[in-house]
Amino acid sequence: MPVHAEDPATPLELLLSEIRACTLCSGHLPLGPRPVLRAAPQARLLIVGQAPGTKVHASGVPWNDASGERLRQWMDVDRDTFYDAARIAIVPMGFCYPGRGKGGDLPPRPECAPQWHLRVRTQMPRIGLTLLIGQYAQAYYLPGPKQALEDTVRDWRRHLANGFFPLPHPSPRNTLWLRRRPWFEAEVLPQLRAVLQSCLSAGVD
């Protein structure tokens, strides 16, 4: 039988291998580097969050925690859809667990996004919508003066025109914030789900 050579790695696969070997900020990471992200050239939706927590660092599976459960509820998608990289890419602001501070996890390492995000996004030309989850993603991606999180989320229609949908972080720590803003669940989530359904449906060949 003829021997077939293995298919050559795609540019994105090579880039992901480079990222997973990254040690750029290893001296600042208490648990060491373990970049956690998912991406595929066919992806239609991109989720840009904060950085892995300890549970995600241990499992290597993004959003594999209580925050992820709430995010999937917001999006109204099941786990199979959420973890289908050919539909949904997950590229946080920081790929590795940054450590613990006084009020919770530390911010994402600042070296990560400038080093990698544009290169990854360039390899996913079909992205039609990017969810910007939390203040760090919004500060990095949204132009203009910095707004309070509430104002940014309320202004989602303006940002949607540029392909972005800003959201608060779904962490259990934000439960009180969400409870005090019932408009988010009543007004924003139905719109989010409609936009997501349209985006993901457009990616089905």
N, C-alpha and C. Protein backbone atom coordinates (compact mmCIF):
# COMPACT_ATOMS: atom_id res chain seq x y z
N MET A 1 0.84 -1.20 0.00
CA MET A 1 0.00 0.00 0.00
C MET A 1 0.88 1.25 0.00
N PRO A 2 0.44 2.28 -0.74
CA PRO A 2 1.25 3.51 -0.74
C PRO A 2 1.19 4.18 0.61
N VAL A 3 2.27 4.82 0.96
CA VAL A 3 2.35 5.55 2.22
C VAL A 3 2.02 7.02 1.94
N HIS A 4 1.02 7.52 2.64
CA HIS A 4 0.62 8.91 2.46
C HIS A 4 1.27 9.77 3.53
N ALA A 5 1.88 10.84 3.10
CA ALA A 5 2.46 11.77 4.07
C ALA A 5 1.34 12.45 4.86
N GLU A 6 1.62 12.75 6.10
CA GLU A 6 0.64 13.45 6.92
C GLU A 6 0.40 14.85 6.35
N ASP A 7 -0.85 15.31 6.51
CA ASP A 7 -1.15 16.65 6.05
C ASP A 7 -0.29 17.65 6.81
N PRO A 8 0.26 18.64 6.13
CA PRO A 8 1.07 19.64 6.82
C PRO A 8 0.20 20.45 7.78
N ALA A 9 0.79 20.88 8.85
CA ALA A 9 0.07 21.70 9.83
C ALA A 9 -0.34 23.02 9.20
N THR A 10 -1.53 23.48 9.55
CA THR A 10 -2.00 24.78 9.06
C THR A 10 -1.25 25.89 9.78
N PRO A 11 -1.27 27.11 9.24
CA PRO A 11 -0.63 28.23 9.95
C PRO A 11 -1.19 28.43 11.36
N LEU A 12 -2.50 28.23 11.54
CA LEU A 12 -3.07 28.40 12.88
C LEU A 12 -2.59 27.31 13.82
N GLU A 13 -2.50 26.09 13.34
CA GLU A 13 -2.00 25.00 14.19
C GLU A 13 -0.56 25.27 14.61
N LEU A 14 0.24 25.77 13.71
CA LEU A 14 1.62 26.11 14.05
C LEU A 14 1.67 27.24 15.07
N LEU A 15 0.79 28.22 14.89
CA LEU A 15 0.74 29.34 15.83
C LEU A 15 0.29 28.87 17.21
N LEU A 16 -0.71 28.00 17.27
CA LEU A 16 -1.17 27.49 18.57
C LEU A 16 -0.07 26.69 19.27
N SER A 17 0.71 25.96 18.51
CA SER A 17 1.84 25.23 19.09
C SER A 17 2.86 26.20 19.67
N GLU A 18 3.08 27.30 18.96
CA GLU A 18 4.01 28.32 19.45
C GLU A 18 3.48 28.95 20.74
N ILE A 19 2.19 29.24 20.77
CA ILE A 19 1.59 29.83 21.96
C ILE A 19 1.69 28.88 23.15
N ARG A 20 1.40 27.62 22.93
CA ARG A 20 1.40 26.66 24.04
C ARG A 20 2.79 26.40 24.58
N ALA A 21 3.80 26.80 23.83
CA ALA A 21 5.19 26.69 24.32
C ALA A 21 5.69 28.02 24.87
N CYS A 22 4.82 29.03 24.96
CA CYS A 22 5.24 30.36 25.36
C CYS A 22 5.67 30.40 26.83
N THR A 23 6.76 31.11 27.09
CA THR A 23 7.24 31.33 28.46
C THR A 23 7.49 32.82 28.70
N LEU A 24 6.82 33.66 27.92
CA LEU A 24 7.09 35.10 27.93
C LEU A 24 7.03 35.70 29.33
N CYS A 25 6.03 35.32 30.12
CA CYS A 25 5.89 35.90 31.46
C CYS A 25 5.93 34.84 32.54
N SER A 26 6.66 33.76 32.28
CA SER A 26 6.67 32.63 33.21
C SER A 26 7.17 33.02 34.60
N GLY A 27 8.05 34.01 34.68
CA GLY A 27 8.56 34.43 35.98
C GLY A 27 7.51 35.08 36.87
N HIS A 28 6.37 35.45 36.30
CA HIS A 28 5.30 36.09 37.06
C HIS A 28 4.14 35.14 37.36
N LEU A 29 4.22 33.91 36.92
CA LEU A 29 3.10 32.98 37.04
C LEU A 29 3.35 31.99 38.18
N PRO A 30 2.55 32.05 39.25
CA PRO A 30 2.83 31.21 40.41
C PRO A 30 2.69 29.72 40.14
N LEU A 31 1.86 29.33 39.18
CA LEU A 31 1.70 27.91 38.84
C LEU A 31 2.42 27.54 37.55
N GLY A 32 3.18 28.49 37.03
CA GLY A 32 3.89 28.23 35.79
C GLY A 32 3.00 28.43 34.57
N PRO A 33 3.60 28.47 33.38
CA PRO A 33 2.80 28.69 32.17
C PRO A 33 1.99 27.47 31.78
N ARG A 34 0.73 27.68 31.47
CA ARG A 34 -0.12 26.68 30.83
C ARG A 34 -1.17 27.43 30.01
N PRO A 35 -0.81 27.88 28.82
CA PRO A 35 -1.76 28.64 28.01
C PRO A 35 -3.02 27.83 27.69
N VAL A 36 -4.17 28.45 27.91
CA VAL A 36 -5.46 27.80 27.67
C VAL A 36 -6.23 28.64 26.66
N LEU A 37 -6.46 28.09 25.48
CA LEU A 37 -7.25 28.76 24.45
C LEU A 37 -7.70 27.73 23.44
N ARG A 38 -8.67 28.11 22.62
CA ARG A 38 -9.15 27.25 21.55
C ARG A 38 -9.42 28.13 20.33
N ALA A 39 -9.05 27.62 19.16
CA ALA A 39 -9.26 28.39 17.94
C ALA A 39 -9.23 27.45 16.74
N ALA A 40 -9.98 27.82 15.71
CA ALA A 40 -10.00 27.08 14.45
C ALA A 40 -10.29 28.07 13.33
N PRO A 41 -9.79 27.81 12.14
CA PRO A 41 -9.99 28.76 11.04
C PRO A 41 -11.46 28.98 10.69
N GLN A 42 -12.32 27.99 10.97
CA GLN A 42 -13.72 28.09 10.58
C GLN A 42 -14.57 28.84 11.61
N ALA A 43 -14.03 29.17 12.77
CA ALA A 43 -14.82 29.73 13.87
C ALA A 43 -15.55 30.99 13.43
N ARG A 44 -16.80 31.11 13.90
CA ARG A 44 -17.61 32.29 13.59
C ARG A 44 -17.71 33.24 14.78
N LEU A 45 -17.59 32.71 15.99
CA LEU A 45 -17.74 33.49 17.21
C LEU A 45 -16.45 33.42 18.00
N LEU A 46 -16.03 34.56 18.53
CA LEU A 46 -14.83 34.62 19.37
C LEU A 46 -15.23 35.12 20.75
N ILE A 47 -14.79 34.41 21.78
CA ILE A 47 -15.01 34.82 23.17
C ILE A 47 -13.68 35.30 23.73
N VAL A 48 -13.63 36.56 24.14
CA VAL A 48 -12.44 37.13 24.77
C VAL A 48 -12.79 37.41 26.23
N GLY A 49 -12.26 36.60 27.12
CA GLY A 49 -12.52 36.77 28.54
C GLY A 49 -11.31 37.37 29.25
N GLN A 50 -11.09 36.91 30.46
CA GLN A 50 -10.07 37.50 31.31
C GLN A 50 -8.80 36.63 31.31
N ALA A 51 -8.75 35.62 32.15
CA ALA A 51 -7.62 34.70 32.22
C ALA A 51 -8.11 33.46 32.95
N PRO A 52 -7.46 32.33 32.77
CA PRO A 52 -7.90 31.11 33.46
C PRO A 52 -7.80 31.26 34.98
N GLY A 53 -8.74 30.64 35.68
CA GLY A 53 -8.63 30.49 37.12
C GLY A 53 -7.91 29.19 37.44
N THR A 54 -7.86 28.83 38.70
CA THR A 54 -7.12 27.63 39.09
C THR A 54 -7.76 26.35 38.54
N LYS A 55 -9.11 26.30 38.49
CA LYS A 55 -9.78 25.10 37.98
C LYS A 55 -9.48 24.91 36.50
N VAL A 56 -9.51 26.01 35.75
CA VAL A 56 -9.21 25.92 34.32
C VAL A 56 -7.74 25.61 34.10
N HIS A 57 -6.88 26.19 34.91
CA HIS A 57 -5.45 25.86 34.81
C HIS A 57 -5.23 24.36 35.01
N ALA A 58 -5.94 23.78 35.99
CA ALA A 58 -5.75 22.36 36.28
C ALA A 58 -6.29 21.47 35.16
N SER A 59 -7.42 21.85 34.58
CA SER A 59 -8.05 20.99 33.57
C SER A 59 -7.57 21.27 32.16
N GLY A 60 -7.14 22.52 31.91
CA GLY A 60 -6.78 22.90 30.56
C GLY A 60 -7.98 23.17 29.66
N VAL A 61 -9.18 23.19 30.25
CA VAL A 61 -10.41 23.40 29.49
C VAL A 61 -10.95 24.79 29.82
N PRO A 62 -11.05 25.70 28.86
CA PRO A 62 -11.49 27.07 29.17
C PRO A 62 -12.94 27.11 29.65
N TRP A 63 -13.21 28.01 30.58
CA TRP A 63 -14.57 28.22 31.11
C TRP A 63 -15.14 26.93 31.70
N ASN A 64 -14.30 26.09 32.24
CA ASN A 64 -14.74 24.83 32.84
C ASN A 64 -14.94 25.03 34.34
N ASP A 65 -15.84 25.97 34.68
CA ASP A 65 -16.05 26.32 36.07
C ASP A 65 -17.42 26.98 36.20
N ALA A 66 -17.72 27.52 37.37
CA ALA A 66 -19.04 28.13 37.58
C ALA A 66 -19.27 29.31 36.66
N SER A 67 -18.23 30.08 36.38
CA SER A 67 -18.36 31.20 35.44
C SER A 67 -18.77 30.70 34.06
N GLY A 68 -18.19 29.60 33.65
CA GLY A 68 -18.54 29.03 32.35
C GLY A 68 -19.97 28.54 32.29
N GLU A 69 -20.45 27.95 33.39
CA GLU A 69 -21.84 27.50 33.42
C GLU A 69 -22.79 28.68 33.22
N ARG A 70 -22.51 29.78 33.92
CA ARG A 70 -23.37 30.95 33.77
C ARG A 70 -23.25 31.54 32.37
N LEU A 71 -22.05 31.58 31.83
CA LEU A 71 -21.87 32.12 30.48
C LEU A 71 -22.65 31.31 29.46
N ARG A 72 -22.62 29.99 29.56
CA ARG A 72 -23.38 29.16 28.63
C ARG A 72 -24.88 29.39 28.77
N GLN A 73 -25.34 29.64 30.00
CA GLN A 73 -26.75 29.98 30.20
C GLN A 73 -27.07 31.30 29.51
N TRP A 74 -26.21 32.29 29.69
CA TRP A 74 -26.42 33.58 29.01
C TRP A 74 -26.52 33.39 27.50
N MET A 75 -25.63 32.59 26.96
CA MET A 75 -25.56 32.38 25.52
C MET A 75 -26.65 31.44 25.01
N ASP A 76 -27.20 30.63 25.92
CA ASP A 76 -28.19 29.60 25.56
C ASP A 76 -27.59 28.60 24.58
N VAL A 77 -26.40 28.10 24.91
CA VAL A 77 -25.76 27.06 24.12
C VAL A 77 -25.37 25.91 25.04
N ASP A 78 -25.33 24.70 24.50
CA ASP A 78 -24.91 23.55 25.30
C ASP A 78 -23.39 23.42 25.27
N ARG A 79 -22.88 22.49 26.07
CA ARG A 79 -21.43 22.33 26.17
C ARG A 79 -20.82 21.89 24.84
N ASP A 80 -21.52 21.03 24.11
CA ASP A 80 -20.97 20.54 22.85
C ASP A 80 -20.76 21.70 21.87
N THR A 81 -21.74 22.57 21.79
CA THR A 81 -21.61 23.74 20.91
C THR A 81 -20.52 24.67 21.41
N PHE A 82 -20.53 24.91 22.70
CA PHE A 82 -19.58 25.85 23.29
C PHE A 82 -18.14 25.41 23.06
N TYR A 83 -17.89 24.11 23.12
CA TYR A 83 -16.52 23.61 22.99
C TYR A 83 -16.20 23.11 21.58
N ASP A 84 -17.04 23.46 20.62
CA ASP A 84 -16.75 23.14 19.23
C ASP A 84 -15.91 24.28 18.64
N ALA A 85 -14.62 24.09 18.59
CA ALA A 85 -13.72 25.17 18.16
C ALA A 85 -13.98 25.59 16.73
N ALA A 86 -14.58 24.73 15.92
CA ALA A 86 -14.90 25.10 14.55
C ALA A 86 -16.04 26.11 14.50
N ARG A 87 -16.72 26.31 15.62
CA ARG A 87 -17.80 27.30 15.69
C ARG A 87 -17.45 28.44 16.63
N ILE A 88 -16.88 28.11 17.80
CA ILE A 88 -16.61 29.11 18.83
C ILE A 88 -15.14 29.05 19.24
N ALA A 89 -14.44 30.14 19.03
CA ALA A 89 -13.05 30.26 19.48
C ALA A 89 -13.02 30.95 20.84
N ILE A 90 -12.07 30.56 21.67
CA ILE A 90 -11.94 31.10 23.03
C ILE A 90 -10.50 31.57 23.20
N VAL A 91 -10.32 32.89 23.25
CA VAL A 91 -8.99 33.47 23.31
C VAL A 91 -8.99 34.55 24.40
N PRO A 92 -8.63 34.21 25.63
CA PRO A 92 -8.70 35.19 26.71
C PRO A 92 -7.62 36.26 26.60
N MET A 93 -7.77 37.30 27.40
CA MET A 93 -6.77 38.36 27.42
C MET A 93 -5.42 37.86 27.90
N GLY A 94 -5.45 36.97 28.86
CA GLY A 94 -4.24 36.31 29.34
C GLY A 94 -4.46 34.81 29.24
N PHE A 95 -3.51 34.09 28.67
CA PHE A 95 -3.71 32.66 28.43
C PHE A 95 -3.40 31.80 29.64
N CYS A 96 -2.72 32.35 30.64
CA CYS A 96 -2.28 31.57 31.79
C CYS A 96 -2.85 32.14 33.09
N TYR A 97 -2.98 31.29 34.09
CA TYR A 97 -3.44 31.73 35.41
C TYR A 97 -2.45 32.74 35.97
N PRO A 98 -2.93 33.96 36.32
CA PRO A 98 -2.00 35.02 36.72
C PRO A 98 -1.65 35.06 38.19
N GLY A 99 -2.36 34.30 39.01
CA GLY A 99 -2.10 34.33 40.45
C GLY A 99 -3.23 35.01 41.20
N ARG A 100 -3.08 35.04 42.49
CA ARG A 100 -4.13 35.52 43.38
C ARG A 100 -3.76 36.86 44.00
N GLY A 101 -4.72 37.77 44.05
CA GLY A 101 -4.55 39.04 44.72
C GLY A 101 -5.47 39.14 45.92
N LYS A 102 -5.57 40.33 46.51
CA LYS A 102 -6.38 40.50 47.71
C LYS A 102 -7.87 40.30 47.44
N GLY A 103 -8.34 40.74 46.26
CA GLY A 103 -9.77 40.66 45.98
C GLY A 103 -10.15 39.57 45.01
N GLY A 104 -9.27 38.64 44.75
CA GLY A 104 -9.53 37.57 43.78
C GLY A 104 -8.32 37.37 42.90
N ASP A 105 -8.54 36.79 41.74
CA ASP A 105 -7.43 36.57 40.82
C ASP A 105 -6.86 37.89 40.33
N LEU A 106 -5.57 37.89 40.08
CA LEU A 106 -4.91 39.08 39.54
C LEU A 106 -5.37 39.34 38.10
N PRO A 107 -5.16 40.56 37.60
CA PRO A 107 -5.51 40.83 36.20
C PRO A 107 -4.71 39.95 35.24
N PRO A 108 -5.19 39.79 34.03
CA PRO A 108 -4.41 39.05 33.02
C PRO A 108 -3.04 39.70 32.83
N ARG A 109 -2.05 38.89 32.57
CA ARG A 109 -0.72 39.43 32.32
C ARG A 109 -0.76 40.36 31.10
N PRO A 110 -0.17 41.54 31.17
CA PRO A 110 -0.28 42.51 30.08
C PRO A 110 0.51 42.15 28.84
N GLU A 111 1.43 41.20 28.95
CA GLU A 111 2.26 40.84 27.80
C GLU A 111 1.49 40.02 26.75
N CYS A 112 0.44 39.35 27.20
CA CYS A 112 -0.16 38.29 26.39
C CYS A 112 -0.90 38.80 25.16
N ALA A 113 -1.89 39.65 25.37
CA ALA A 113 -2.73 40.09 24.25
C ALA A 113 -1.92 40.80 23.15
N PRO A 114 -1.04 41.76 23.48
CA PRO A 114 -0.27 42.40 22.40
C PRO A 114 0.61 41.43 21.63
N GLN A 115 1.07 40.40 22.30
CA GLN A 115 1.96 39.43 21.66
C GLN A 115 1.21 38.50 20.70
N TRP A 116 -0.02 38.10 21.06
CA TRP A 116 -0.66 37.01 20.35
C TRP A 116 -2.00 37.30 19.68
N HIS A 117 -2.79 38.23 20.22
CA HIS A 117 -4.19 38.31 19.77
C HIS A 117 -4.33 38.60 18.27
N LEU A 118 -3.64 39.58 17.77
CA LEU A 118 -3.79 39.92 16.35
C LEU A 118 -3.38 38.74 15.48
N ARG A 119 -2.33 38.06 15.87
CA ARG A 119 -1.86 36.92 15.07
C ARG A 119 -2.91 35.82 15.04
N VAL A 120 -3.56 35.56 16.18
CA VAL A 120 -4.59 34.52 16.21
C VAL A 120 -5.81 34.96 15.41
N ARG A 121 -6.24 36.19 15.62
CA ARG A 121 -7.44 36.67 14.92
C ARG A 121 -7.25 36.67 13.40
N THR A 122 -6.05 36.97 12.95
CA THR A 122 -5.77 36.98 11.52
C THR A 122 -5.99 35.61 10.89
N GLN A 123 -5.81 34.56 11.68
CA GLN A 123 -5.97 33.19 11.19
C GLN A 123 -7.42 32.70 11.29
N MET A 124 -8.33 33.58 11.74
CA MET A 124 -9.75 33.20 11.84
C MET A 124 -10.58 34.23 11.07
N PRO A 125 -10.54 34.20 9.75
CA PRO A 125 -11.17 35.25 8.94
C PRO A 125 -12.69 35.22 8.94
N ARG A 126 -13.31 34.17 9.48
CA ARG A 126 -14.76 34.06 9.43
C ARG A 126 -15.43 34.58 10.71
N ILE A 127 -14.65 35.06 11.66
CA ILE A 127 -15.24 35.59 12.89
C ILE A 127 -16.22 36.72 12.55
N GLY A 128 -17.48 36.54 12.98
CA GLY A 128 -18.49 37.55 12.72
C GLY A 128 -18.88 38.34 13.95
N LEU A 129 -18.54 37.81 15.13
CA LEU A 129 -18.92 38.45 16.38
C LEU A 129 -17.90 38.09 17.44
N THR A 130 -17.55 39.08 18.26
CA THR A 130 -16.62 38.87 19.38
C THR A 130 -17.30 39.30 20.67
N LEU A 131 -17.41 38.37 21.62
CA LEU A 131 -17.92 38.70 22.94
C LEU A 131 -16.76 39.21 23.79
N LEU A 132 -16.90 40.41 24.32
CA LEU A 132 -15.87 41.01 25.18
C LEU A 132 -16.37 40.92 26.61
N ILE A 133 -15.79 40.01 27.37
CA ILE A 133 -16.31 39.69 28.69
C ILE A 133 -15.43 40.33 29.75
N GLY A 134 -15.98 41.35 30.41
CA GLY A 134 -15.26 42.02 31.49
C GLY A 134 -14.46 43.21 31.02
N GLN A 135 -13.99 43.96 32.00
CA GLN A 135 -13.37 45.26 31.73
C GLN A 135 -12.04 45.17 30.98
N TYR A 136 -11.27 44.12 31.18
CA TYR A 136 -9.96 44.06 30.53
C TYR A 136 -10.10 43.87 29.02
N ALA A 137 -11.00 42.99 28.61
CA ALA A 137 -11.23 42.78 27.18
C ALA A 137 -11.82 44.03 26.55
N GLN A 138 -12.73 44.68 27.26
CA GLN A 138 -13.38 45.87 26.72
C GLN A 138 -12.39 47.04 26.60
N ALA A 139 -11.55 47.21 27.60
CA ALA A 139 -10.56 48.29 27.55
C ALA A 139 -9.57 48.09 26.39
N TYR A 140 -9.27 46.84 26.09
CA TYR A 140 -8.29 46.56 25.04
C TYR A 140 -8.88 46.72 23.64
N TYR A 141 -10.14 46.30 23.47
CA TYR A 141 -10.71 46.22 22.12
C TYR A 141 -11.60 47.39 21.73
N LEU A 142 -12.20 48.07 22.69
CA LEU A 142 -13.17 49.10 22.32
C LEU A 142 -12.49 50.46 22.22
N PRO A 143 -12.71 51.18 21.14
CA PRO A 143 -12.09 52.50 20.97
C PRO A 143 -12.80 53.54 21.82
N GLY A 144 -12.16 54.69 21.94
CA GLY A 144 -12.78 55.81 22.64
C GLY A 144 -12.46 55.83 24.12
N PRO A 145 -12.99 56.83 24.82
CA PRO A 145 -12.72 56.96 26.26
C PRO A 145 -13.24 55.75 27.03
N LYS A 146 -12.55 55.40 28.08
CA LYS A 146 -12.96 54.28 28.91
C LYS A 146 -14.25 54.62 29.64
N GLN A 147 -15.21 53.70 29.63
CA GLN A 147 -16.48 53.86 30.32
C GLN A 147 -16.56 52.91 31.51
N ALA A 148 -17.50 53.19 32.40
CA ALA A 148 -17.83 52.23 33.44
C ALA A 148 -18.42 50.99 32.78
N LEU A 149 -18.22 49.84 33.40
CA LEU A 149 -18.71 48.57 32.84
C LEU A 149 -20.19 48.64 32.51
N GLU A 150 -20.99 49.19 33.43
CA GLU A 150 -22.43 49.26 33.21
C GLU A 150 -22.75 50.06 31.96
N ASP A 151 -22.07 51.18 31.76
CA ASP A 151 -22.33 52.02 30.60
C ASP A 151 -21.92 51.30 29.31
N THR A 152 -20.82 50.58 29.36
CA THR A 152 -20.37 49.85 28.17
C THR A 152 -21.36 48.77 27.79
N VAL A 153 -21.85 48.03 28.78
CA VAL A 153 -22.80 46.96 28.49
C VAL A 153 -24.12 47.54 27.98
N ARG A 154 -24.58 48.62 28.58
CA ARG A 154 -25.82 49.26 28.11
C ARG A 154 -25.69 49.76 26.67
N ASP A 155 -24.48 50.08 26.27
CA ASP A 155 -24.22 50.64 24.94
C ASP A 155 -23.88 49.56 23.92
N TRP A 156 -24.37 48.35 24.15
CA TRP A 156 -23.97 47.20 23.32
C TRP A 156 -24.32 47.40 21.84
N ARG A 157 -25.41 48.10 21.54
CA ARG A 157 -25.81 48.27 20.14
C ARG A 157 -24.74 49.02 19.35
N ARG A 158 -24.16 50.04 19.95
CA ARG A 158 -23.12 50.81 19.24
C ARG A 158 -21.91 49.94 18.97
N HIS A 159 -21.53 49.12 19.94
CA HIS A 159 -20.36 48.27 19.76
C HIS A 159 -20.63 47.12 18.79
N LEU A 160 -21.89 46.69 18.74
CA LEU A 160 -22.23 45.61 17.83
C LEU A 160 -21.98 46.01 16.38
N ALA A 161 -22.12 47.28 16.08
CA ALA A 161 -21.85 47.76 14.72
C ALA A 161 -20.41 47.48 14.29
N ASN A 162 -19.51 47.33 15.26
CA ASN A 162 -18.10 47.01 14.98
C ASN A 162 -17.77 45.55 15.22
N GLY A 163 -18.81 44.74 15.45
CA GLY A 163 -18.59 43.30 15.62
C GLY A 163 -18.32 42.86 17.04
N PHE A 164 -18.57 43.74 18.03
CA PHE A 164 -18.30 43.41 19.43
C PHE A 164 -19.61 43.42 20.24
N PHE A 165 -19.67 42.54 21.23
CA PHE A 165 -20.80 42.54 22.17
C PHE A 165 -20.20 42.50 23.58
N PRO A 166 -20.23 43.63 24.31
CA PRO A 166 -19.64 43.67 25.65
C PRO A 166 -20.57 43.06 26.70
N LEU A 167 -19.98 42.31 27.61
CA LEU A 167 -20.73 41.65 28.68
C LEU A 167 -19.99 41.81 30.00
N PRO A 168 -20.71 41.77 31.12
CA PRO A 168 -20.02 41.67 32.41
C PRO A 168 -19.43 40.27 32.55
N HIS A 169 -18.55 40.11 33.50
CA HIS A 169 -18.00 38.79 33.73
C HIS A 169 -19.04 37.93 34.45
N PRO A 170 -19.23 36.68 34.05
CA PRO A 170 -20.24 35.83 34.67
C PRO A 170 -19.81 35.18 35.98
N SER A 171 -18.73 35.64 36.57
CA SER A 171 -18.24 35.07 37.82
C SER A 171 -19.31 35.14 38.91
N PRO A 172 -19.37 34.12 39.79
CA PRO A 172 -20.27 34.21 40.94
C PRO A 172 -20.02 35.45 41.79
N ARG A 173 -18.82 35.99 41.74
CA ARG A 173 -18.52 37.22 42.49
C ARG A 173 -19.37 38.40 42.00
N ASN A 174 -19.89 38.31 40.78
CA ASN A 174 -20.67 39.41 40.22
C ASN A 174 -22.18 39.21 40.39
N THR A 175 -22.58 38.25 41.18
CA THR A 175 -24.01 37.97 41.36
C THR A 175 -24.76 39.19 41.88
N LEU A 176 -24.19 39.89 42.85
CA LEU A 176 -24.85 41.07 43.40
C LEU A 176 -24.95 42.16 42.34
N TRP A 177 -23.89 42.37 41.57
CA TRP A 177 -23.90 43.36 40.48
C TRP A 177 -25.05 43.05 39.53
N LEU A 178 -25.22 41.80 39.17
CA LEU A 178 -26.27 41.41 38.24
C LEU A 178 -27.65 41.56 38.87
N ARG A 179 -27.77 41.22 40.13
CA ARG A 179 -29.06 41.30 40.81
C ARG A 179 -29.55 42.74 40.89
N ARG A 180 -28.62 43.67 41.02
CA ARG A 180 -28.98 45.09 41.11
C ARG A 180 -29.26 45.71 39.75
N ARG A 181 -29.05 44.96 38.69
CA ARG A 181 -29.26 45.47 37.33
C ARG A 181 -30.14 44.49 36.56
N PRO A 182 -31.41 44.39 36.93
CA PRO A 182 -32.30 43.42 36.27
C PRO A 182 -32.46 43.67 34.78
N TRP A 183 -32.17 44.89 34.33
CA TRP A 183 -32.27 45.18 32.89
C TRP A 183 -31.33 44.30 32.07
N PHE A 184 -30.23 43.84 32.68
CA PHE A 184 -29.28 43.03 31.91
C PHE A 184 -29.95 41.72 31.48
N GLU A 185 -30.57 41.03 32.42
CA GLU A 185 -31.22 39.76 32.08
C GLU A 185 -32.47 39.99 31.23
N ALA A 186 -33.22 41.04 31.52
CA ALA A 186 -34.49 41.27 30.84
C ALA A 186 -34.31 41.82 29.43
N GLU A 187 -33.30 42.68 29.25
CA GLU A 187 -33.17 43.39 27.98
C GLU A 187 -31.97 42.94 27.14
N VAL A 188 -30.83 42.72 27.79
CA VAL A 188 -29.61 42.44 27.03
C VAL A 188 -29.52 40.97 26.62
N LEU A 189 -29.82 40.05 27.53
CA LEU A 189 -29.64 38.64 27.21
C LEU A 189 -30.50 38.16 26.03
N PRO A 190 -31.77 38.56 25.92
CA PRO A 190 -32.51 38.14 24.72
C PRO A 190 -31.86 38.63 23.42
N GLN A 191 -31.32 39.84 23.44
CA GLN A 191 -30.65 40.36 22.26
C GLN A 191 -29.35 39.59 21.99
N LEU A 192 -28.62 39.29 23.04
CA LEU A 192 -27.39 38.51 22.89
C LEU A 192 -27.69 37.17 22.23
N ARG A 193 -28.72 36.48 22.72
CA ARG A 193 -29.04 35.16 22.19
C ARG A 193 -29.46 35.23 20.72
N ALA A 194 -30.21 36.26 20.37
CA ALA A 194 -30.62 36.41 18.97
C ALA A 194 -29.42 36.67 18.07
N VAL A 195 -28.51 37.53 18.51
CA VAL A 195 -27.33 37.83 17.71
C VAL A 195 -26.44 36.59 17.60
N LEU A 196 -26.29 35.86 18.69
CA LEU A 196 -25.47 34.64 18.66
C LEU A 196 -26.04 33.60 17.72
N GLN A 197 -27.35 33.40 17.78
CA GLN A 197 -27.98 32.40 16.92
C GLN A 197 -27.75 32.74 15.45
N SER A 198 -27.88 34.02 15.13
CA SER A 198 -27.65 34.45 13.75
C SER A 198 -26.21 34.23 13.34
N CYS A 199 -25.28 34.55 14.24
CA CYS A 199 -23.85 34.40 13.93
C CYS A 199 -23.49 32.94 13.73
N LEU A 200 -23.92 32.07 14.62
CA LEU A 200 -23.55 30.66 14.54
C LEU A 200 -24.26 29.97 13.39
N SER A 201 -25.48 30.38 13.08
CA SER A 201 -26.20 29.79 11.96
C SER A 201 -25.51 30.14 10.64
N ALA A 202 -24.94 31.33 10.58
CA ALA A 202 -24.23 31.74 9.36
C ALA A 202 -22.99 30.90 9.12
N GLY A 203 -22.50 30.25 10.17
CA GLY A 203 -21.30 29.43 10.02
C GLY A 203 -21.57 28.00 9.66
N VAL A 204 -22.86 27.64 9.49
CA VAL A 204 -23.21 26.25 9.14
C VAL A 204 -23.27 26.14 7.63
N ASP A 205 -22.41 25.32 7.06
CA ASP A 205 -22.39 25.15 5.60
C ASP A 205 -23.45 24.17 5.15
